[in-house]
Amino acid sequence: MIGSMVRGGVAGAAGAAGAAGTTVLNAVTYADMAWRGRPASQVPAQVVDKLAEDLGHPVAGPDDSRDNRLSGLGALSGIAVGVGTGTAVALARRAGVRMPWWLGGVVTGALAMAATDVPMARLGVSDPADWPAKDWLSDAVPHLLYGLVTHGLVTAAERRT
């Protein structure tokens, strides 16, 4: 009983760490949008759209409703990646994978970035190999900060249990 409560607490802390990292990633992304006056990326919605079609369950609705659903589902998929990556990092740490905070943060950010960039490339939505440097920075900096926050909180939560 106590063991399952501790494991549940660790999983909850990992999810909270991923959610906190995701909040930082979103805040940095929105600040960049405000600073440069750039629009929101349509890539998450396009990935969801392509994935849903490939699975035989296209997102339905009239144009505006469909676009809004895809936008919402794209944002939710980002949250799922953030929480999932935080959980995966916590499980790896629990299994004995230990890194200095800065390296753990970089690796965690790289994992989250790969979890979003690989599907978009595989689905043919966007090819990161074609991105200019400013687009790479717009993707890498928020993911790095996500990684530092998430890994830091996973490490801190582990010390408490």
N, C-alpha and C. Protein backbone atom coordinates (compact mmCIF):
# COMPACT_ATOMS: atom_id res chain seq x y z
N MET A 1 0.83 -1.20 0.00
CA MET A 1 0.00 0.00 0.00
C MET A 1 0.87 1.25 0.00
N ILE A 2 1.81 1.33 0.93
CA ILE A 2 2.67 2.52 1.00
C ILE A 2 3.52 2.62 -0.25
N GLY A 3 4.02 1.48 -0.75
CA GLY A 3 4.82 1.50 -1.98
C GLY A 3 4.05 2.06 -3.15
N SER A 4 2.77 1.65 -3.27
CA SER A 4 1.97 2.17 -4.39
C SER A 4 1.67 3.65 -4.21
N MET A 5 1.53 4.10 -2.96
CA MET A 5 1.30 5.54 -2.71
C MET A 5 2.54 6.34 -3.11
N VAL A 6 3.73 5.82 -2.78
CA VAL A 6 4.97 6.51 -3.15
C VAL A 6 5.12 6.55 -4.66
N ARG A 7 4.87 5.39 -5.33
CA ARG A 7 4.95 5.36 -6.79
C ARG A 7 3.95 6.33 -7.40
N GLY A 8 2.74 6.37 -6.86
CA GLY A 8 1.73 7.31 -7.35
C GLY A 8 2.16 8.74 -7.15
N GLY A 9 2.79 9.01 -6.01
CA GLY A 9 3.30 10.36 -5.74
C GLY A 9 4.40 10.75 -6.70
N VAL A 10 5.28 9.80 -7.01
CA VAL A 10 6.35 10.07 -7.98
C VAL A 10 5.77 10.34 -9.36
N ALA A 11 4.79 9.52 -9.77
CA ALA A 11 4.16 9.73 -11.08
C ALA A 11 3.45 11.08 -11.12
N GLY A 12 2.77 11.43 -10.04
CA GLY A 12 2.10 12.73 -9.98
C GLY A 12 3.07 13.88 -10.04
N ALA A 13 4.18 13.74 -9.32
CA ALA A 13 5.21 14.78 -9.34
C ALA A 13 5.83 14.90 -10.73
N ALA A 14 6.03 13.75 -11.40
CA ALA A 14 6.59 13.78 -12.75
C ALA A 14 5.64 14.49 -13.71
N GLY A 15 4.34 14.18 -13.60
CA GLY A 15 3.36 14.86 -14.45
C GLY A 15 3.32 16.35 -14.17
N ALA A 16 3.41 16.71 -12.89
CA ALA A 16 3.42 18.13 -12.52
C ALA A 16 4.67 18.81 -13.05
N ALA A 17 5.81 18.12 -13.00
CA ALA A 17 7.05 18.69 -13.54
C ALA A 17 6.92 18.93 -15.04
N GLY A 18 6.35 17.94 -15.75
CA GLY A 18 6.14 18.11 -17.19
C GLY A 18 5.17 19.23 -17.50
N ALA A 19 4.13 19.36 -16.67
CA ALA A 19 3.16 20.44 -16.86
C ALA A 19 3.80 21.81 -16.60
N ALA A 20 4.64 21.88 -15.57
CA ALA A 20 5.34 23.15 -15.28
C ALA A 20 6.28 23.50 -16.43
N GLY A 21 7.01 22.50 -16.92
CA GLY A 21 7.90 22.75 -18.06
C GLY A 21 7.13 23.19 -19.29
N THR A 22 5.97 22.58 -19.51
CA THR A 22 5.12 22.95 -20.64
C THR A 22 4.63 24.38 -20.51
N THR A 23 4.31 24.78 -19.29
CA THR A 23 3.88 26.16 -19.06
C THR A 23 4.99 27.14 -19.42
N VAL A 24 6.22 26.81 -19.03
CA VAL A 24 7.36 27.66 -19.37
C VAL A 24 7.56 27.70 -20.88
N LEU A 25 7.50 26.54 -21.53
CA LEU A 25 7.65 26.48 -22.98
C LEU A 25 6.60 27.36 -23.66
N ASN A 26 5.35 27.23 -23.24
CA ASN A 26 4.28 28.04 -23.83
C ASN A 26 4.50 29.53 -23.57
N ALA A 27 4.89 29.89 -22.35
CA ALA A 27 5.12 31.30 -22.02
C ALA A 27 6.23 31.89 -22.89
N VAL A 28 7.32 31.16 -23.07
CA VAL A 28 8.43 31.66 -23.89
C VAL A 28 7.98 31.76 -25.35
N THR A 29 7.23 30.79 -25.82
CA THR A 29 6.74 30.82 -27.20
C THR A 29 5.81 32.01 -27.42
N TYR A 30 4.86 32.23 -26.50
CA TYR A 30 3.94 33.35 -26.64
C TYR A 30 4.67 34.69 -26.52
N ALA A 31 5.69 34.76 -25.66
CA ALA A 31 6.48 35.99 -25.55
C ALA A 31 7.21 36.27 -26.86
N ASP A 32 7.74 35.22 -27.49
CA ASP A 32 8.41 35.37 -28.79
C ASP A 32 7.42 35.86 -29.84
N MET A 33 6.20 35.30 -29.81
CA MET A 33 5.18 35.74 -30.76
C MET A 33 4.85 37.22 -30.56
N ALA A 34 4.72 37.62 -29.30
CA ALA A 34 4.41 39.02 -28.99
C ALA A 34 5.57 39.94 -29.38
N TRP A 35 6.77 39.51 -29.08
CA TRP A 35 7.97 40.33 -29.35
C TRP A 35 8.16 40.54 -30.85
N ARG A 36 8.08 39.45 -31.61
CA ARG A 36 8.35 39.55 -33.05
C ARG A 36 7.10 39.77 -33.89
N GLY A 37 5.93 39.70 -33.27
CA GLY A 37 4.69 39.87 -34.02
C GLY A 37 4.41 38.72 -34.96
N ARG A 38 4.92 37.55 -34.63
CA ARG A 38 4.71 36.39 -35.51
C ARG A 38 3.43 35.66 -35.13
N PRO A 39 2.82 34.99 -36.11
CA PRO A 39 1.58 34.26 -35.81
C PRO A 39 1.87 32.94 -35.08
N ALA A 40 0.83 32.37 -34.53
CA ALA A 40 0.95 31.04 -33.92
C ALA A 40 1.24 30.03 -35.02
N SER A 41 1.98 29.00 -34.67
CA SER A 41 2.28 27.94 -35.62
C SER A 41 1.04 27.10 -35.87
N GLN A 42 0.83 26.76 -37.11
CA GLN A 42 -0.27 25.88 -37.48
C GLN A 42 0.18 24.42 -37.52
N VAL A 43 1.47 24.18 -37.28
CA VAL A 43 2.03 22.83 -37.40
C VAL A 43 1.37 21.83 -36.45
N PRO A 44 1.16 22.15 -35.14
CA PRO A 44 0.51 21.15 -34.28
C PRO A 44 -0.87 20.73 -34.80
N ALA A 45 -1.65 21.68 -35.28
CA ALA A 45 -2.97 21.35 -35.85
C ALA A 45 -2.83 20.52 -37.11
N GLN A 46 -1.84 20.83 -37.93
CA GLN A 46 -1.62 20.07 -39.16
C GLN A 46 -1.18 18.63 -38.86
N VAL A 47 -0.36 18.46 -37.81
CA VAL A 47 0.07 17.12 -37.41
C VAL A 47 -1.15 16.31 -36.95
N VAL A 48 -1.98 16.92 -36.11
CA VAL A 48 -3.19 16.22 -35.64
C VAL A 48 -4.08 15.88 -36.82
N ASP A 49 -4.26 16.81 -37.73
CA ASP A 49 -5.10 16.58 -38.91
C ASP A 49 -4.59 15.41 -39.73
N LYS A 50 -3.31 15.41 -40.03
CA LYS A 50 -2.71 14.35 -40.83
C LYS A 50 -2.78 13.01 -40.12
N LEU A 51 -2.48 13.00 -38.83
CA LEU A 51 -2.52 11.77 -38.04
C LEU A 51 -3.94 11.21 -37.98
N ALA A 52 -4.91 12.08 -37.74
CA ALA A 52 -6.31 11.65 -37.68
C ALA A 52 -6.76 11.05 -39.02
N GLU A 53 -6.38 11.70 -40.11
CA GLU A 53 -6.73 11.18 -41.43
C GLU A 53 -6.06 9.84 -41.69
N ASP A 54 -4.77 9.74 -41.35
CA ASP A 54 -4.04 8.49 -41.57
C ASP A 54 -4.62 7.35 -40.75
N LEU A 55 -5.20 7.66 -39.59
CA LEU A 55 -5.81 6.64 -38.74
C LEU A 55 -7.26 6.32 -39.14
N GLY A 56 -7.75 7.04 -40.15
CA GLY A 56 -9.10 6.80 -40.63
C GLY A 56 -10.19 7.47 -39.82
N HIS A 57 -9.81 8.47 -39.02
CA HIS A 57 -10.78 9.20 -38.20
C HIS A 57 -10.58 10.71 -38.38
N PRO A 58 -10.86 11.24 -39.57
CA PRO A 58 -10.65 12.67 -39.79
C PRO A 58 -11.49 13.52 -38.83
N VAL A 59 -10.93 14.67 -38.49
CA VAL A 59 -11.65 15.61 -37.62
C VAL A 59 -12.77 16.23 -38.44
N ALA A 60 -13.97 16.17 -37.89
CA ALA A 60 -15.16 16.60 -38.63
C ALA A 60 -15.57 18.01 -38.26
N GLY A 61 -16.47 18.54 -39.06
CA GLY A 61 -17.08 19.83 -38.78
C GLY A 61 -16.96 20.78 -39.94
N PRO A 62 -17.81 21.83 -39.93
CA PRO A 62 -17.66 22.89 -40.94
C PRO A 62 -16.30 23.56 -40.76
N ASP A 63 -15.86 24.26 -41.77
CA ASP A 63 -14.50 24.80 -41.79
C ASP A 63 -14.05 25.46 -40.49
N ASP A 64 -14.81 26.45 -39.99
CA ASP A 64 -14.40 27.16 -38.78
C ASP A 64 -14.35 26.22 -37.56
N SER A 65 -15.38 25.41 -37.40
CA SER A 65 -15.42 24.48 -36.26
C SER A 65 -14.28 23.47 -36.36
N ARG A 66 -14.05 22.96 -37.54
CA ARG A 66 -12.98 21.98 -37.75
C ARG A 66 -11.62 22.61 -37.45
N ASP A 67 -11.39 23.80 -37.96
CA ASP A 67 -10.12 24.49 -37.70
C ASP A 67 -9.93 24.73 -36.20
N ASN A 68 -10.99 25.12 -35.52
CA ASN A 68 -10.90 25.36 -34.08
C ASN A 68 -10.63 24.06 -33.32
N ARG A 69 -11.28 22.97 -33.74
CA ARG A 69 -11.02 21.67 -33.12
C ARG A 69 -9.56 21.27 -33.31
N LEU A 70 -9.07 21.42 -34.52
CA LEU A 70 -7.68 21.06 -34.80
C LEU A 70 -6.70 21.92 -33.99
N SER A 71 -7.01 23.19 -33.86
CA SER A 71 -6.17 24.07 -33.05
C SER A 71 -6.14 23.61 -31.59
N GLY A 72 -7.31 23.30 -31.05
CA GLY A 72 -7.40 22.82 -29.68
C GLY A 72 -6.70 21.48 -29.50
N LEU A 73 -6.91 20.57 -30.45
CA LEU A 73 -6.27 19.26 -30.37
C LEU A 73 -4.75 19.37 -30.51
N GLY A 74 -4.30 20.30 -31.34
CA GLY A 74 -2.86 20.53 -31.48
C GLY A 74 -2.24 21.01 -30.18
N ALA A 75 -2.93 21.95 -29.52
CA ALA A 75 -2.44 22.45 -28.22
C ALA A 75 -2.46 21.34 -27.17
N LEU A 76 -3.53 20.56 -27.15
CA LEU A 76 -3.61 19.45 -26.19
C LEU A 76 -2.52 18.41 -26.44
N SER A 77 -2.18 18.18 -27.70
CA SER A 77 -1.11 17.23 -28.00
C SER A 77 0.22 17.73 -27.46
N GLY A 78 0.44 19.04 -27.50
CA GLY A 78 1.66 19.61 -26.91
C GLY A 78 1.71 19.41 -25.41
N ILE A 79 0.58 19.58 -24.75
CA ILE A 79 0.52 19.34 -23.31
C ILE A 79 0.81 17.87 -23.01
N ALA A 80 0.22 16.97 -23.81
CA ALA A 80 0.45 15.54 -23.62
C ALA A 80 1.92 15.18 -23.80
N VAL A 81 2.57 15.78 -24.79
CA VAL A 81 4.00 15.53 -25.00
C VAL A 81 4.80 16.03 -23.80
N GLY A 82 4.46 17.21 -23.30
CA GLY A 82 5.18 17.77 -22.15
C GLY A 82 5.03 16.93 -20.90
N VAL A 83 3.81 16.53 -20.59
CA VAL A 83 3.58 15.70 -19.40
C VAL A 83 4.18 14.31 -19.61
N GLY A 84 4.03 13.76 -20.79
CA GLY A 84 4.59 12.44 -21.09
C GLY A 84 6.10 12.42 -21.02
N THR A 85 6.75 13.45 -21.54
CA THR A 85 8.20 13.52 -21.47
C THR A 85 8.66 13.64 -20.03
N GLY A 86 7.97 14.46 -19.25
CA GLY A 86 8.32 14.57 -17.83
C GLY A 86 8.21 13.23 -17.12
N THR A 87 7.18 12.48 -17.42
CA THR A 87 6.99 11.16 -16.82
C THR A 87 8.09 10.20 -17.27
N ALA A 88 8.43 10.22 -18.54
CA ALA A 88 9.49 9.36 -19.06
C ALA A 88 10.83 9.68 -18.40
N VAL A 89 11.12 10.95 -18.22
CA VAL A 89 12.38 11.36 -17.59
C VAL A 89 12.40 10.91 -16.13
N ALA A 90 11.28 11.04 -15.44
CA ALA A 90 11.21 10.59 -14.05
C ALA A 90 11.41 9.08 -13.95
N LEU A 91 10.81 8.33 -14.87
CA LEU A 91 10.98 6.88 -14.87
C LEU A 91 12.43 6.49 -15.16
N ALA A 92 13.06 7.19 -16.09
CA ALA A 92 14.47 6.92 -16.39
C ALA A 92 15.35 7.22 -15.18
N ARG A 93 15.05 8.31 -14.51
CA ARG A 93 15.82 8.68 -13.33
C ARG A 93 15.63 7.64 -12.23
N ARG A 94 14.40 7.20 -12.07
CA ARG A 94 14.10 6.18 -11.07
C ARG A 94 14.81 4.87 -11.39
N ALA A 95 15.03 4.61 -12.68
CA ALA A 95 15.74 3.40 -13.11
C ALA A 95 17.26 3.55 -12.99
N GLY A 96 17.73 4.72 -12.56
CA GLY A 96 19.15 4.90 -12.33
C GLY A 96 19.88 5.82 -13.28
N VAL A 97 19.18 6.40 -14.23
CA VAL A 97 19.83 7.34 -15.17
C VAL A 97 20.02 8.67 -14.44
N ARG A 98 21.26 9.01 -14.18
CA ARG A 98 21.58 10.25 -13.45
C ARG A 98 22.49 11.12 -14.32
N MET A 99 22.15 12.38 -14.40
CA MET A 99 22.95 13.35 -15.16
C MET A 99 23.06 14.62 -14.35
N PRO A 100 24.12 15.40 -14.60
CA PRO A 100 24.17 16.72 -13.97
C PRO A 100 22.94 17.52 -14.42
N TRP A 101 22.51 18.47 -13.59
CA TRP A 101 21.26 19.20 -13.87
C TRP A 101 21.24 19.81 -15.26
N TRP A 102 22.35 20.40 -15.67
CA TRP A 102 22.37 21.08 -16.96
C TRP A 102 22.26 20.08 -18.11
N LEU A 103 22.95 18.95 -18.01
CA LEU A 103 22.88 17.94 -19.06
C LEU A 103 21.51 17.28 -19.07
N GLY A 104 20.99 16.97 -17.89
CA GLY A 104 19.64 16.40 -17.80
C GLY A 104 18.61 17.33 -18.40
N GLY A 105 18.78 18.63 -18.18
CA GLY A 105 17.86 19.61 -18.75
C GLY A 105 17.95 19.66 -20.26
N VAL A 106 19.17 19.63 -20.79
CA VAL A 106 19.34 19.65 -22.25
C VAL A 106 18.76 18.38 -22.87
N VAL A 107 19.04 17.24 -22.27
CA VAL A 107 18.53 15.96 -22.79
C VAL A 107 17.00 15.94 -22.72
N THR A 108 16.43 16.40 -21.61
CA THR A 108 14.98 16.42 -21.46
C THR A 108 14.35 17.33 -22.52
N GLY A 109 14.93 18.50 -22.73
CA GLY A 109 14.43 19.40 -23.77
C GLY A 109 14.55 18.79 -25.16
N ALA A 110 15.67 18.11 -25.41
CA ALA A 110 15.87 17.47 -26.71
C ALA A 110 14.86 16.34 -26.93
N LEU A 111 14.54 15.60 -25.87
CA LEU A 111 13.52 14.54 -25.98
C LEU A 111 12.16 15.13 -26.35
N ALA A 112 11.78 16.20 -25.66
CA ALA A 112 10.49 16.83 -25.95
C ALA A 112 10.47 17.41 -27.37
N MET A 113 11.58 18.00 -27.77
CA MET A 113 11.66 18.57 -29.12
C MET A 113 11.55 17.46 -30.17
N ALA A 114 12.24 16.35 -29.93
CA ALA A 114 12.17 15.23 -30.86
C ALA A 114 10.76 14.65 -30.91
N ALA A 115 10.08 14.63 -29.76
CA ALA A 115 8.72 14.07 -29.71
C ALA A 115 7.74 14.91 -30.52
N THR A 116 8.06 16.16 -30.78
CA THR A 116 7.19 16.99 -31.62
C THR A 116 7.72 17.10 -33.05
N ASP A 117 9.03 17.19 -33.21
CA ASP A 117 9.60 17.41 -34.54
C ASP A 117 9.65 16.16 -35.40
N VAL A 118 9.91 15.01 -34.79
CA VAL A 118 9.97 13.77 -35.58
C VAL A 118 8.62 13.45 -36.22
N PRO A 119 7.51 13.48 -35.45
CA PRO A 119 6.22 13.20 -36.11
C PRO A 119 5.90 14.18 -37.24
N MET A 120 6.20 15.47 -37.04
CA MET A 120 5.88 16.43 -38.10
C MET A 120 6.68 16.14 -39.35
N ALA A 121 7.93 15.72 -39.18
CA ALA A 121 8.75 15.39 -40.34
C ALA A 121 8.28 14.09 -40.99
N ARG A 122 8.00 13.09 -40.17
CA ARG A 122 7.56 11.79 -40.71
C ARG A 122 6.22 11.89 -41.43
N LEU A 123 5.35 12.76 -40.94
CA LEU A 123 4.03 12.93 -41.57
C LEU A 123 4.09 13.88 -42.77
N GLY A 124 5.24 14.49 -43.01
CA GLY A 124 5.39 15.39 -44.14
C GLY A 124 4.78 16.75 -43.94
N VAL A 125 4.53 17.12 -42.67
CA VAL A 125 3.93 18.43 -42.37
C VAL A 125 4.97 19.53 -42.48
N SER A 126 6.17 19.27 -41.99
CA SER A 126 7.26 20.24 -42.04
C SER A 126 8.57 19.48 -42.00
N ASP A 127 9.60 20.04 -42.59
CA ASP A 127 10.92 19.39 -42.59
C ASP A 127 11.91 20.30 -41.88
N PRO A 128 12.27 19.96 -40.63
CA PRO A 128 13.22 20.80 -39.89
C PRO A 128 14.55 21.02 -40.62
N ALA A 129 14.91 20.12 -41.52
CA ALA A 129 16.15 20.29 -42.28
C ALA A 129 16.09 21.53 -43.18
N ASP A 130 14.90 21.98 -43.50
CA ASP A 130 14.72 23.15 -44.35
C ASP A 130 14.54 24.46 -43.57
N TRP A 131 14.50 24.39 -42.25
CA TRP A 131 14.23 25.57 -41.44
C TRP A 131 15.42 26.52 -41.42
N PRO A 132 15.15 27.82 -41.48
CA PRO A 132 16.23 28.79 -41.26
C PRO A 132 16.60 28.83 -39.76
N ALA A 133 17.72 29.45 -39.46
CA ALA A 133 18.23 29.49 -38.08
C ALA A 133 17.21 30.09 -37.11
N LYS A 134 16.51 31.13 -37.51
CA LYS A 134 15.54 31.77 -36.58
C LYS A 134 14.42 30.80 -36.21
N ASP A 135 14.02 29.93 -37.13
CA ASP A 135 12.98 28.94 -36.82
C ASP A 135 13.52 27.87 -35.87
N TRP A 136 14.78 27.48 -36.06
CA TRP A 136 15.39 26.53 -35.13
C TRP A 136 15.48 27.12 -33.73
N LEU A 137 15.87 28.39 -33.65
CA LEU A 137 15.93 29.05 -32.33
C LEU A 137 14.55 29.15 -31.69
N SER A 138 13.54 29.45 -32.50
CA SER A 138 12.17 29.54 -31.98
C SER A 138 11.67 28.20 -31.45
N ASP A 139 12.24 27.11 -31.93
CA ASP A 139 11.87 25.78 -31.47
C ASP A 139 12.79 25.31 -30.33
N ALA A 140 14.09 25.56 -30.48
CA ALA A 140 15.07 25.02 -29.53
C ALA A 140 15.06 25.74 -28.18
N VAL A 141 14.97 27.05 -28.17
CA VAL A 141 15.04 27.80 -26.90
C VAL A 141 13.90 27.43 -25.96
N PRO A 142 12.63 27.45 -26.40
CA PRO A 142 11.56 27.04 -25.49
C PRO A 142 11.71 25.59 -25.01
N HIS A 143 12.16 24.70 -25.90
CA HIS A 143 12.35 23.31 -25.48
C HIS A 143 13.49 23.16 -24.48
N LEU A 144 14.54 23.93 -24.66
CA LEU A 144 15.64 23.90 -23.68
C LEU A 144 15.15 24.36 -22.31
N LEU A 145 14.39 25.44 -22.27
CA LEU A 145 13.86 25.92 -20.99
C LEU A 145 12.88 24.92 -20.40
N TYR A 146 12.06 24.30 -21.25
CA TYR A 146 11.18 23.23 -20.80
C TYR A 146 12.02 22.15 -20.11
N GLY A 147 13.09 21.73 -20.78
CA GLY A 147 13.93 20.66 -20.25
C GLY A 147 14.57 21.01 -18.92
N LEU A 148 15.08 22.22 -18.79
CA LEU A 148 15.72 22.64 -17.53
C LEU A 148 14.72 22.66 -16.39
N VAL A 149 13.53 23.21 -16.64
CA VAL A 149 12.51 23.27 -15.59
C VAL A 149 12.02 21.87 -15.24
N THR A 150 11.68 21.08 -16.26
CA THR A 150 11.13 19.75 -16.01
C THR A 150 12.14 18.86 -15.30
N HIS A 151 13.35 18.80 -15.81
CA HIS A 151 14.37 17.95 -15.19
C HIS A 151 14.67 18.43 -13.78
N GLY A 152 14.75 19.73 -13.59
CA GLY A 152 15.00 20.26 -12.25
C GLY A 152 13.92 19.87 -11.27
N LEU A 153 12.67 19.94 -11.69
CA LEU A 153 11.56 19.58 -10.80
C LEU A 153 11.48 18.07 -10.56
N VAL A 154 11.78 17.28 -11.58
CA VAL A 154 11.82 15.82 -11.39
C VAL A 154 12.88 15.46 -10.36
N THR A 155 14.05 16.09 -10.48
CA THR A 155 15.14 15.84 -9.54
C THR A 155 14.76 16.28 -8.13
N ALA A 156 14.16 17.45 -8.02
CA ALA A 156 13.75 17.96 -6.71
C ALA A 156 12.67 17.08 -6.08
N ALA A 157 11.73 16.62 -6.88
CA ALA A 157 10.65 15.76 -6.37
C ALA A 157 11.21 14.43 -5.89
N GLU A 158 12.20 13.92 -6.59
CA GLU A 158 12.81 12.64 -6.19
C GLU A 158 13.47 12.76 -4.82
N ARG A 159 14.08 13.89 -4.55
CA ARG A 159 14.75 14.09 -3.26
C ARG A 159 13.75 14.11 -2.10
N ARG A 160 12.50 14.49 -2.40
CA ARG A 160 11.48 14.58 -1.34
C ARG A 160 10.86 13.23 -1.01
N THR A 161 10.98 12.25 -1.92
CA THR A 161 10.31 10.97 -1.67
C THR A 161 11.25 9.96 -1.05
